[in-house]
Amino acid sequence: MGKIENRLKELGITLPRPPVPPPTRRNAVLVGEVLYLAGTTGAIIDPFGKEIGPIRGKLGRELSIEDGQRSARYATIKHLAMIKEAVGDLDKVVQIIRVIGYVNAAPGFQQAPQVLNGTSELLLSVFGEAGRHARAALYQHEMTNDAPIEIEMMVHVKA
């Protein structure tokens, strides 16, 4: 078990199975040493890494900032599983380059950056300075399946 897998264990995180993309897409595309990760949404994950249900709703209406942070954290855990599937070992992560988060926001909700802190804080906890990244927090008026967030990432990995 590598350094990052040990860190996940210390944090009490078990990686789920990566999402199964439709036949026309992939979870990740590696170009040189940059891994582009598809967008994924947050879902409730049990202590064994199994996804047991979606979190649904709009931030600022049905959901609080804390609910959004939890959803962002779950999406990030799914991204970690996607990275491992793509490159075989989370210790190959050199740097999280960029995170883009789309927040399903009710009118007047303006705290998307705080919602995405669920992702940023987890990445720092897992990767240390290599988890510090550039980020964009975007507002959406609707999301597929009424997901509260969708996140995509770019990651520098060792070839």
C-alpha atoms as a PDB file:
ATOM      1  CA  MET A   1       0.000   0.000   0.000  1.00  0.00           C
ATOM      2  CA  GLY A   2       1.358   3.387  -1.020  1.00  0.00           C
ATOM      3  CA  LYS A   3       1.736   6.593   0.943  1.00  0.00           C
ATOM      4  CA  ILE A   4      -1.517   8.125  -0.335  1.00  0.00           C
ATOM      5  CA  GLU A   5      -3.509   4.918   0.258  1.00  0.00           C
ATOM      6  CA  ASN A   6      -2.185   4.901   3.834  1.00  0.00           C
ATOM      7  CA  ARG A   7      -3.230   8.527   4.213  1.00  0.00           C
ATOM      8  CA  LEU A   8      -6.746   7.660   3.008  1.00  0.00           C
ATOM      9  CA  LYS A   9      -6.875   4.866   5.576  1.00  0.00           C
ATOM     10  CA  GLU A  10      -5.826   7.319   8.321  1.00  0.00           C
ATOM     11  CA  LEU A  11      -8.643   9.628   7.207  1.00  0.00           C
ATOM     12  CA  GLY A  12     -11.143   6.751   7.288  1.00  0.00           C
ATOM     13  CA  ILE A  13     -11.750   6.905   3.534  1.00  0.00           C
ATOM     14  CA  THR A  14     -12.437   3.784   1.491  1.00  0.00           C
ATOM     15  CA  LEU A  15     -12.472   4.349  -2.251  1.00  0.00           C
ATOM     16  CA  PRO A  16     -15.650   3.282  -4.053  1.00  0.00           C
ATOM     17  CA  ARG A  17     -15.698   1.609  -7.431  1.00  0.00           C
ATOM     18  CA  PRO A  18     -15.272   4.278 -10.099  1.00  0.00           C
ATOM     19  CA  PRO A  19     -18.452   5.237 -11.940  1.00  0.00           C
ATOM     20  CA  VAL A  20     -19.117   3.262 -15.115  1.00  0.00           C
ATOM     21  CA  PRO A  21     -19.231   5.722 -18.008  1.00  0.00           C
ATOM     22  CA  PRO A  22     -21.445   5.208 -21.045  1.00  0.00           C
ATOM     23  CA  PRO A  23     -19.698   3.535 -24.007  1.00  0.00           C
ATOM     24  CA  THR A  24     -19.167   6.892 -25.742  1.00  0.00           C
ATOM     25  CA  ARG A  25     -17.075   8.401 -22.923  1.00  0.00           C
ATOM     26  CA  ARG A  26     -14.299   7.699 -20.419  1.00  0.00           C
ATOM     27  CA  ASN A  27     -13.847   8.641 -16.775  1.00  0.00           C
ATOM     28  CA  ALA A  28     -10.377   9.945 -17.508  1.00  0.00           C
ATOM     29  CA  VAL A  29      -8.157  10.811 -20.453  1.00  0.00           C
ATOM     30  CA  LEU A  30      -4.388  10.943 -20.029  1.00  0.00           C
ATOM     31  CA  VAL A  31      -2.551  13.352 -22.342  1.00  0.00           C
ATOM     32  CA  GLY A  32       1.174  13.274 -21.630  1.00  0.00           C
ATOM     33  CA  GLU A  33       1.331  13.753 -17.869  1.00  0.00           C
ATOM     34  CA  VAL A  34      -2.023  15.532 -17.515  1.00  0.00           C
ATOM     35  CA  LEU A  35      -5.027  13.460 -16.500  1.00  0.00           C
ATOM     36  CA  TYR A  36      -8.367  15.033 -17.365  1.00  0.00           C
ATOM     37  CA  LEU A  37     -11.165  13.687 -15.160  1.00  0.00           C
ATOM     38  CA  ALA A  38     -14.793  13.697 -16.227  1.00  0.00           C
ATOM     39  CA  GLY A  39     -17.328  15.487 -14.120  1.00  0.00           C
ATOM     40  CA  THR A  40     -18.856  13.533 -11.285  1.00  0.00           C
ATOM     41  CA  THR A  41     -21.482  14.292  -8.686  1.00  0.00           C
ATOM     42  CA  GLY A  42     -21.589  13.646  -4.978  1.00  0.00           C
ATOM     43  CA  ALA A  43     -23.443  10.714  -3.494  1.00  0.00           C
ATOM     44  CA  ILE A  44     -23.716   9.196  -0.075  1.00  0.00           C
ATOM     45  CA  ILE A  45     -20.954   6.607   0.371  1.00  0.00           C
ATOM     46  CA  ASP A  46     -21.092   4.030   3.150  1.00  0.00           C
ATOM     47  CA  PRO A  47     -18.048   3.226   5.338  1.00  0.00           C
ATOM     48  CA  PHE A  48     -17.087   0.404   2.950  1.00  0.00           C
ATOM     49  CA  GLY A  49     -16.829   2.661  -0.099  1.00  0.00           C
ATOM     50  CA  LYS A  50     -20.182   1.680  -1.635  1.00  0.00           C
ATOM     51  CA  GLU A  51     -22.355   4.419  -3.067  1.00  0.00           C
ATOM     52  CA  ILE A  52     -25.734   4.088  -1.367  1.00  0.00           C
ATOM     53  CA  GLY A  53     -27.668   7.015  -2.753  1.00  0.00           C
ATOM     54  CA  PRO A  54     -27.526  10.449  -4.282  1.00  0.00           C
ATOM     55  CA  ILE A  55     -27.667  13.761  -2.501  1.00  0.00           C
ATOM     56  CA  ARG A  56     -30.253  15.854  -4.337  1.00  0.00           C
ATOM     57  CA  GLY A  57     -31.423  19.436  -4.281  1.00  0.00           C
ATOM     58  CA  LYS A  58     -30.440  23.051  -4.687  1.00  0.00           C
ATOM     59  CA  LEU A  59     -28.020  24.849  -2.427  1.00  0.00           C
ATOM     60  CA  GLY A  60     -29.789  27.647  -0.648  1.00  0.00           C
ATOM     61  CA  ARG A  61     -33.161  25.932  -0.892  1.00  0.00           C
ATOM     62  CA  GLU A  62     -33.258  22.263   0.223  1.00  0.00           C
ATOM     63  CA  LEU A  63     -29.570  22.032   1.027  1.00  0.00           C
ATOM     64  CA  SER A  64     -27.207  23.909   3.317  1.00  0.00           C
ATOM     65  CA  ILE A  65     -23.595  24.841   2.634  1.00  0.00           C
ATOM     66  CA  GLU A  66     -22.582  21.845   4.808  1.00  0.00           C
ATOM     67  CA  ASP A  67     -24.720  19.505   2.651  1.00  0.00           C
ATOM     68  CA  GLY A  68     -22.988  20.905  -0.420  1.00  0.00           C
ATOM     69  CA  GLN A  69     -19.558  20.442   1.142  1.00  0.00           C
ATOM     70  CA  ARG A  70     -20.434  16.816   1.941  1.00  0.00           C
ATOM     71  CA  SER A  71     -21.549  16.293  -1.660  1.00  0.00           C
ATOM     72  CA  ALA A  72     -18.323  17.890  -2.940  1.00  0.00           C
ATOM     73  CA  ARG A  73     -16.292  15.635  -0.638  1.00  0.00           C
ATOM     74  CA  TYR A  74     -18.079  12.519  -1.933  1.00  0.00           C
ATOM     75  CA  ALA A  75     -17.515  13.600  -5.534  1.00  0.00           C
ATOM     76  CA  THR A  76     -13.823  14.082  -4.749  1.00  0.00           C
ATOM     77  CA  ILE A  77     -13.596  10.586  -3.277  1.00  0.00           C
ATOM     78  CA  LYS A  78     -15.092   9.270  -6.531  1.00  0.00           C
ATOM     79  CA  HIS A  79     -12.457  11.260  -8.427  1.00  0.00           C
ATOM     80  CA  LEU A  80      -9.720   9.627  -6.345  1.00  0.00           C
ATOM     81  CA  ALA A  81     -11.104   6.247  -7.413  1.00  0.00           C
ATOM     82  CA  MET A  82     -11.091   7.430 -11.040  1.00  0.00           C
ATOM     83  CA  ILE A  83      -7.454   8.559 -10.745  1.00  0.00           C
ATOM     84  CA  LYS A  84      -6.452   5.194  -9.296  1.00  0.00           C
ATOM     85  CA  GLU A  85      -8.291   3.367 -12.079  1.00  0.00           C
ATOM     86  CA  ALA A  86      -6.593   5.508 -14.753  1.00  0.00           C
ATOM     87  CA  VAL A  87      -2.980   5.433 -13.519  1.00  0.00           C
ATOM     88  CA  GLY A  88      -2.955   2.485 -11.105  1.00  0.00           C
ATOM     89  CA  ASP A  89      -1.510   4.254  -8.060  1.00  0.00           C
ATOM     90  CA  LEU A  90      -2.462   7.464  -6.275  1.00  0.00           C
ATOM     91  CA  ASP A  91       1.220   7.996  -5.437  1.00  0.00           C
ATOM     92  CA  LYS A  92       1.660   8.938  -9.117  1.00  0.00           C
ATOM     93  CA  VAL A  93      -0.185  12.211  -8.470  1.00  0.00           C
ATOM     94  CA  VAL A  94       2.346  15.040  -8.737  1.00  0.00           C
ATOM     95  CA  GLN A  95      -0.110  17.937  -8.421  1.00  0.00           C
ATOM     96  CA  ILE A  96      -3.834  18.575  -8.531  1.00  0.00           C
ATOM     97  CA  ILE A  97      -3.846  21.269 -11.210  1.00  0.00           C
ATOM     98  CA  ARG A  98      -7.409  22.522 -11.446  1.00  0.00           C
ATOM     99  CA  VAL A  99     -10.848  21.900  -9.993  1.00  0.00           C
ATOM    100  CA  ILE A 100     -13.998  23.202 -11.641  1.00  0.00           C
ATOM    101  CA  GLY A 101     -17.155  22.958  -9.583  1.00  0.00           C
ATOM    102  CA  TYR A 102     -20.693  23.541 -10.784  1.00  0.00           C
ATOM    103  CA  VAL A 103     -23.118  24.332  -7.974  1.00  0.00           C
ATOM    104  CA  ASN A 104     -26.877  23.811  -8.344  1.00  0.00           C
ATOM    105  CA  ALA A 105     -27.894  27.101  -6.742  1.00  0.00           C
ATOM    106  CA  ALA A 106     -31.265  28.531  -5.807  1.00  0.00           C
ATOM    107  CA  PRO A 107     -31.776  32.186  -6.785  1.00  0.00           C
ATOM    108  CA  GLY A 108     -29.771  34.409  -4.466  1.00  0.00           C
ATOM    109  CA  PHE A 109     -27.368  31.683  -3.312  1.00  0.00           C
ATOM    110  CA  GLN A 110     -23.839  33.121  -3.530  1.00  0.00           C
ATOM    111  CA  GLN A 111     -21.689  30.734  -1.496  1.00  0.00           C
ATOM    112  CA  ALA A 112     -20.447  28.348  -4.216  1.00  0.00           C
ATOM    113  CA  PRO A 113     -16.805  28.888  -3.173  1.00  0.00           C
ATOM    114  CA  GLN A 114     -17.627  27.742   0.384  1.00  0.00           C
ATOM    115  CA  VAL A 115     -19.401  24.659  -0.998  1.00  0.00           C
ATOM    116  CA  LEU A 116     -16.321  23.693  -3.022  1.00  0.00           C
ATOM    117  CA  ASN A 117     -14.172  23.932   0.080  1.00  0.00           C
ATOM    118  CA  GLY A 118     -15.379  20.344   0.694  1.00  0.00           C
ATOM    119  CA  THR A 119     -13.229  19.332  -2.282  1.00  0.00           C
ATOM    120  CA  SER A 120     -10.282  21.651  -1.644  1.00  0.00           C
ATOM    121  CA  GLU A 121      -9.902  20.723   2.011  1.00  0.00           C
ATOM    122  CA  LEU A 122     -10.052  16.991   1.247  1.00  0.00           C
ATOM    123  CA  LEU A 123      -7.420  17.284  -1.491  1.00  0.00           C
ATOM    124  CA  LEU A 124      -5.101  19.154   0.887  1.00  0.00           C
ATOM    125  CA  SER A 125      -5.671  16.522   3.588  1.00  0.00           C
ATOM    126  CA  VAL A 126      -4.857  13.696   1.190  1.00  0.00           C
ATOM    127  CA  PHE A 127      -2.027  15.125  -0.927  1.00  0.00           C
ATOM    128  CA  GLY A 128      -0.598  17.964   1.184  1.00  0.00           C
ATOM    129  CA  GLU A 129       0.832  20.782  -0.950  1.00  0.00           C
ATOM    130  CA  ALA A 130       0.336  18.661  -4.078  1.00  0.00           C
ATOM    131  CA  GLY A 131      -3.392  18.969  -3.396  1.00  0.00           C
ATOM    132  CA  ARG A 132      -3.374  22.791  -3.563  1.00  0.00           C
ATOM    133  CA  HIS A 133      -4.973  23.733  -6.894  1.00  0.00           C
ATOM    134  CA  ALA A 134      -6.499  26.458  -9.048  1.00  0.00           C
ATOM    135  CA  ARG A 135     -10.282  26.450  -8.837  1.00  0.00           C
ATOM    136  CA  ALA A 136     -13.423  27.870 -10.415  1.00  0.00           C
ATOM    137  CA  ALA A 137     -16.815  27.833  -8.689  1.00  0.00           C
ATOM    138  CA  LEU A 138     -19.677  28.212 -11.157  1.00  0.00           C
ATOM    139  CA  TYR A 139     -23.388  28.589 -10.528  1.00  0.00           C
ATOM    140  CA  GLN A 140     -25.976  26.473 -12.351  1.00  0.00           C
ATOM    141  CA  HIS A 141     -29.729  26.889 -12.260  1.00  0.00           C
ATOM    142  CA  GLU A 142     -30.335  23.170 -13.004  1.00  0.00           C
ATOM    143  CA  MET A 143     -28.276  19.968 -12.783  1.00  0.00           C
ATOM    144  CA  THR A 144     -28.853  16.431 -14.031  1.00  0.00           C
ATOM    145  CA  ASN A 145     -30.765  14.360 -11.473  1.00  0.00           C
ATOM    146  CA  ASP A 146     -31.015  17.477  -9.298  1.00  0.00           C
ATOM    147  CA  ALA A 147     -27.424  16.905  -8.128  1.00  0.00           C
ATOM    148  CA  PRO A 148     -26.211  19.723  -5.865  1.00  0.00           C
ATOM    149  CA  ILE A 149     -22.735  19.808  -7.402  1.00  0.00           C
ATOM    150  CA  GLU A 150     -20.661  18.423 -10.248  1.00  0.00           C
ATOM    151  CA  ILE A 151     -16.891  18.586 -10.169  1.00  0.00           C
ATOM    152  CA  GLU A 152     -14.234  18.009 -12.797  1.00  0.00           C
ATOM    153  CA  MET A 153     -10.460  17.969 -12.346  1.00  0.00           C
ATOM    154  CA  MET A 154      -7.120  18.149 -14.092  1.00  0.00           C
ATOM    155  CA  VAL A 155      -4.238  16.283 -12.437  1.00  0.00           C
ATOM    156  CA  HIS A 156      -0.499  16.154 -13.169  1.00  0.00           C
ATOM    157  CA  VAL A 157       0.660  12.542 -12.841  1.00  0.00           C
ATOM    158  CA  LYS A 158       3.968  10.752 -13.263  1.00  0.00           C
ATOM    159  CA  ALA A 159       4.201   8.980 -16.591  1.00  0.00           C
END
